[in-house]
N, C-alpha and C. Protein backbone atom coordinates (compact mmCIF):
# COMPACT_ATOMS: atom_id res chain seq x y z
N MET A 1 0.82 -1.19 0.00
CA MET A 1 0.00 0.00 0.00
C MET A 1 0.86 1.25 0.00
N SER A 2 1.91 1.25 0.83
CA SER A 2 2.75 2.44 0.89
C SER A 2 3.49 2.64 -0.42
N ALA A 3 3.82 1.54 -1.13
CA ALA A 3 4.49 1.67 -2.43
C ALA A 3 3.54 2.32 -3.43
N LEU A 4 2.27 1.93 -3.39
CA LEU A 4 1.28 2.54 -4.28
C LEU A 4 1.09 4.01 -3.94
N PHE A 5 1.05 4.33 -2.64
CA PHE A 5 0.91 5.71 -2.20
C PHE A 5 2.12 6.53 -2.65
N LEU A 6 3.33 5.95 -2.50
CA LEU A 6 4.56 6.62 -2.91
C LEU A 6 4.57 6.84 -4.43
N PHE A 7 4.15 5.81 -5.18
CA PHE A 7 4.10 5.94 -6.64
C PHE A 7 3.10 7.01 -7.06
N ASN A 8 1.91 7.01 -6.44
CA ASN A 8 0.90 8.03 -6.76
C ASN A 8 1.41 9.43 -6.43
N GLY A 9 2.10 9.57 -5.31
CA GLY A 9 2.68 10.86 -4.92
C GLY A 9 3.73 11.31 -5.91
N PHE A 10 4.61 10.37 -6.29
CA PHE A 10 5.65 10.69 -7.26
C PHE A 10 5.05 11.06 -8.61
N ALA A 11 4.06 10.30 -9.06
CA ALA A 11 3.40 10.59 -10.34
C ALA A 11 2.69 11.93 -10.28
N GLY A 12 2.04 12.21 -9.16
CA GLY A 12 1.34 13.49 -9.00
C GLY A 12 2.29 14.66 -9.04
N ILE A 13 3.42 14.52 -8.32
CA ILE A 13 4.41 15.60 -8.31
C ILE A 13 5.00 15.78 -9.70
N THR A 14 5.30 14.67 -10.37
CA THR A 14 5.85 14.74 -11.72
C THR A 14 4.88 15.43 -12.66
N LEU A 15 3.62 15.04 -12.61
CA LEU A 15 2.62 15.67 -13.47
C LEU A 15 2.45 17.15 -13.13
N ALA A 16 2.51 17.49 -11.85
CA ALA A 16 2.39 18.89 -11.44
C ALA A 16 3.57 19.70 -11.98
N LEU A 17 4.78 19.13 -11.89
CA LEU A 17 5.96 19.83 -12.41
C LEU A 17 5.89 19.99 -13.93
N VAL A 18 5.45 18.94 -14.62
CA VAL A 18 5.32 19.03 -16.08
C VAL A 18 4.28 20.08 -16.44
N ALA A 19 3.16 20.09 -15.74
CA ALA A 19 2.11 21.07 -16.01
C ALA A 19 2.62 22.48 -15.72
N HIS A 20 3.36 22.63 -14.62
CA HIS A 20 3.92 23.95 -14.28
C HIS A 20 4.91 24.39 -15.35
N TYR A 21 5.76 23.46 -15.82
CA TYR A 21 6.74 23.78 -16.86
C TYR A 21 6.03 24.25 -18.12
N PHE A 22 5.00 23.51 -18.55
CA PHE A 22 4.30 23.90 -19.76
C PHE A 22 3.54 25.21 -19.59
N SER A 23 2.96 25.43 -18.42
CA SER A 23 2.26 26.70 -18.20
C SER A 23 3.27 27.85 -18.16
N PHE A 24 4.44 27.63 -17.55
CA PHE A 24 5.48 28.66 -17.53
C PHE A 24 5.96 28.94 -18.95
N PHE A 25 6.20 27.86 -19.71
CA PHE A 25 6.64 28.03 -21.09
C PHE A 25 5.57 28.74 -21.91
N SER A 26 4.32 28.39 -21.68
CA SER A 26 3.21 29.04 -22.40
C SER A 26 3.14 30.51 -22.04
N ASN A 27 3.27 30.85 -20.74
CA ASN A 27 3.25 32.25 -20.33
C ASN A 27 4.44 33.01 -20.91
N THR A 28 5.61 32.37 -20.90
CA THR A 28 6.80 33.01 -21.47
C THR A 28 6.60 33.24 -22.95
N THR A 29 6.08 32.23 -23.64
CA THR A 29 5.83 32.37 -25.07
C THR A 29 4.81 33.47 -25.31
N SER A 30 3.77 33.50 -24.49
CA SER A 30 2.75 34.53 -24.63
C SER A 30 3.37 35.91 -24.41
N HIS A 31 4.24 36.02 -23.40
CA HIS A 31 4.91 37.29 -23.11
C HIS A 31 5.80 37.68 -24.30
N HIS A 32 6.51 36.71 -24.85
CA HIS A 32 7.35 36.99 -26.01
C HIS A 32 6.51 37.38 -27.22
N ASP A 33 5.37 36.72 -27.37
CA ASP A 33 4.47 37.07 -28.47
C ASP A 33 3.99 38.51 -28.34
N VAL A 34 3.68 38.92 -27.12
CA VAL A 34 3.24 40.30 -26.87
C VAL A 34 4.37 41.27 -27.20
N GLN A 35 5.58 40.93 -26.77
CA GLN A 35 6.73 41.79 -27.07
C GLN A 35 6.99 41.88 -28.57
N ILE A 36 6.90 40.75 -29.24
CA ILE A 36 7.12 40.73 -30.69
C ILE A 36 6.04 41.55 -31.40
N GLU A 37 4.81 41.41 -30.98
CA GLU A 37 3.72 42.19 -31.58
C GLU A 37 3.93 43.68 -31.34
N TYR A 38 4.36 44.05 -30.13
CA TYR A 38 4.64 45.45 -29.81
C TYR A 38 5.75 45.99 -30.72
N LEU A 39 6.83 45.21 -30.85
CA LEU A 39 7.93 45.64 -31.70
C LEU A 39 7.51 45.73 -33.17
N ARG A 40 6.69 44.79 -33.61
CA ARG A 40 6.21 44.82 -34.99
C ARG A 40 5.38 46.08 -35.23
N ASN A 41 4.52 46.42 -34.27
CA ASN A 41 3.71 47.63 -34.39
C ASN A 41 4.59 48.88 -34.40
N LYS A 42 5.63 48.89 -33.56
CA LYS A 42 6.55 50.03 -33.53
C LYS A 42 7.26 50.18 -34.87
N VAL A 43 7.68 49.06 -35.45
CA VAL A 43 8.36 49.10 -36.75
C VAL A 43 7.40 49.65 -37.81
N CYS A 44 6.15 49.21 -37.79
CA CYS A 44 5.16 49.72 -38.75
C CYS A 44 4.97 51.22 -38.57
N GLN A 45 4.88 51.68 -37.32
CA GLN A 45 4.74 53.12 -37.06
C GLN A 45 5.95 53.88 -37.57
N LEU A 46 7.13 53.35 -37.33
CA LEU A 46 8.35 54.01 -37.79
C LEU A 46 8.42 54.06 -39.31
N GLU A 47 7.98 52.99 -39.97
CA GLU A 47 7.95 52.99 -41.43
C GLU A 47 7.00 54.07 -41.95
N LYS A 48 5.84 54.21 -41.32
CA LYS A 48 4.89 55.24 -41.73
C LYS A 48 5.47 56.63 -41.50
N GLN A 49 6.12 56.82 -40.34
CA GLN A 49 6.72 58.12 -40.04
C GLN A 49 7.85 58.43 -41.02
N LEU A 50 8.63 57.42 -41.37
CA LEU A 50 9.70 57.61 -42.33
C LEU A 50 9.14 57.99 -43.70
N HIS A 51 8.06 57.33 -44.09
CA HIS A 51 7.42 57.66 -45.37
C HIS A 51 6.91 59.10 -45.34
N ASN A 52 6.28 59.50 -44.23
CA ASN A 52 5.79 60.88 -44.10
C ASN A 52 6.94 61.88 -44.15
N LEU A 53 8.05 61.56 -43.49
CA LEU A 53 9.21 62.45 -43.52
C LEU A 53 9.77 62.57 -44.93
N GLN A 54 9.84 61.46 -45.64
CA GLN A 54 10.32 61.51 -47.02
C GLN A 54 9.40 62.35 -47.89
N GLN A 55 8.10 62.20 -47.69
CA GLN A 55 7.14 62.99 -48.46
C GLN A 55 7.29 64.48 -48.13
N ASN A 56 7.43 64.79 -46.84
CA ASN A 56 7.61 66.19 -46.44
C ASN A 56 8.90 66.76 -47.02
N LEU A 57 9.95 65.96 -47.03
CA LEU A 57 11.22 66.40 -47.58
C LEU A 57 11.10 66.68 -49.08
N GLU A 58 10.41 65.80 -49.79
CA GLU A 58 10.18 66.03 -51.22
C GLU A 58 9.37 67.29 -51.45
N ASP A 59 8.35 67.52 -50.63
CA ASP A 59 7.54 68.74 -50.75
C ASP A 59 8.38 69.98 -50.50
N MET A 60 9.24 69.91 -49.48
CA MET A 60 10.10 71.05 -49.17
C MET A 60 11.08 71.32 -50.31
N GLU A 61 11.65 70.26 -50.87
CA GLU A 61 12.58 70.43 -51.99
C GLU A 61 11.87 71.07 -53.18
N GLU A 62 10.64 70.65 -53.42
CA GLU A 62 9.86 71.22 -54.52
C GLU A 62 9.59 72.70 -54.28
N ARG A 63 9.19 73.06 -53.06
CA ARG A 63 8.93 74.47 -52.74
C ARG A 63 10.20 75.31 -52.84
N ILE A 64 11.31 74.76 -52.37
CA ILE A 64 12.58 75.49 -52.45
C ILE A 64 12.98 75.69 -53.90
N SER A 65 12.81 74.66 -54.70
CA SER A 65 13.13 74.77 -56.13
C SER A 65 12.27 75.83 -56.80
N LYS A 66 10.98 75.85 -56.48
CA LYS A 66 10.09 76.86 -57.07
C LYS A 66 10.49 78.25 -56.62
N LYS A 67 10.80 78.42 -55.34
CA LYS A 67 11.21 79.73 -54.84
C LYS A 67 12.53 80.15 -55.47
N ASP A 68 13.43 79.20 -55.66
CA ASP A 68 14.70 79.51 -56.31
C ASP A 68 14.47 79.98 -57.74
N THR A 69 13.59 79.28 -58.45
CA THR A 69 13.26 79.68 -59.83
C THR A 69 12.63 81.06 -59.84
N ASP A 70 11.70 81.31 -58.92
CA ASP A 70 11.07 82.64 -58.83
C ASP A 70 12.10 83.72 -58.52
N LEU A 71 13.03 83.42 -57.66
CA LEU A 71 14.07 84.39 -57.31
C LEU A 71 14.96 84.70 -58.51
N ILE A 72 15.32 83.68 -59.26
CA ILE A 72 16.14 83.89 -60.46
C ILE A 72 15.39 84.74 -61.47
N GLU A 73 14.12 84.43 -61.70
CA GLU A 73 13.32 85.23 -62.64
C GLU A 73 13.20 86.67 -62.17
N SER A 74 12.95 86.85 -60.90
CA SER A 74 12.83 88.20 -60.34
C SER A 74 14.15 88.96 -60.49
N SER A 75 15.24 88.29 -60.23
CA SER A 75 16.55 88.91 -60.36
C SER A 75 16.82 89.32 -61.81
N GLN A 76 16.45 88.46 -62.74
CA GLN A 76 16.63 88.78 -64.16
C GLN A 76 15.77 89.98 -64.56
N GLN A 77 14.54 90.02 -64.08
CA GLN A 77 13.67 91.16 -64.39
C GLN A 77 14.23 92.44 -63.79
N LEU A 78 14.69 92.37 -62.58
CA LEU A 78 15.28 93.54 -61.93
C LEU A 78 16.53 94.01 -62.68
N HIS A 79 17.35 93.08 -63.08
CA HIS A 79 18.55 93.41 -63.85
C HIS A 79 18.18 94.08 -65.17
N SER A 80 17.17 93.53 -65.83
CA SER A 80 16.72 94.11 -67.10
C SER A 80 16.21 95.53 -66.90
N LYS A 81 15.41 95.75 -65.88
CA LYS A 81 14.87 97.09 -65.61
C LYS A 81 15.99 98.06 -65.22
N LEU A 82 16.95 97.57 -64.49
CA LEU A 82 18.08 98.41 -64.10
C LEU A 82 18.89 98.81 -65.34
N GLU A 83 19.08 97.88 -66.23
CA GLU A 83 19.77 98.21 -67.49
C GLU A 83 19.00 99.24 -68.29
N GLU A 84 17.69 99.08 -68.38
CA GLU A 84 16.86 100.05 -69.10
C GLU A 84 16.98 101.43 -68.45
N PHE A 85 16.94 101.47 -67.14
CA PHE A 85 17.05 102.73 -66.42
C PHE A 85 18.40 103.40 -66.67
N ILE A 86 19.45 102.60 -66.60
CA ILE A 86 20.79 103.15 -66.83
C ILE A 86 20.92 103.65 -68.26
N ASN A 87 20.46 102.87 -69.22
CA ASN A 87 20.54 103.28 -70.63
C ASN A 87 19.71 104.53 -70.88
N CYS A 88 18.55 104.60 -70.29
CA CYS A 88 17.68 105.76 -70.46
C CYS A 88 18.36 107.01 -69.89
N ASN A 89 18.91 106.91 -68.71
CA ASN A 89 19.59 108.05 -68.09
C ASN A 89 20.87 108.40 -68.82
N TYR A 90 21.53 107.44 -69.35
CA TYR A 90 22.76 107.70 -70.10
C TYR A 90 22.45 108.47 -71.36
N GLU A 91 21.35 108.09 -72.03
CA GLU A 91 20.96 108.80 -73.25
C GLU A 91 20.54 110.23 -72.94
N VAL A 92 19.92 110.45 -71.82
CA VAL A 92 19.49 111.79 -71.44
C VAL A 92 20.72 112.67 -71.19
N LEU A 93 21.73 112.09 -70.59
CA LEU A 93 22.92 112.87 -70.27
C LEU A 93 23.75 113.19 -71.51
N GLU A 94 23.65 112.44 -72.54
CA GLU A 94 24.44 112.70 -73.75
C GLU A 94 23.93 113.81 -74.53
């Protein structure tokens, strides 16, 4: 009888340890899954932010290019008017 009791106790403890191991492993895996999902979401957010930054940079480059073109045109017009003014005044003085 005591051998049967000892065997049942040993089997019970063994099963309890195996169940605890699997539940611990399951919880650890679940925790790792949560961490992986969090990191995956962070990577997706960073990719979206990077895309937005690239788009903003392209928009800024386009605006700067347009302003540069406008500045060059304005400078050319001013230069042309200045030449006309100088030529007009030069002719008056002659």
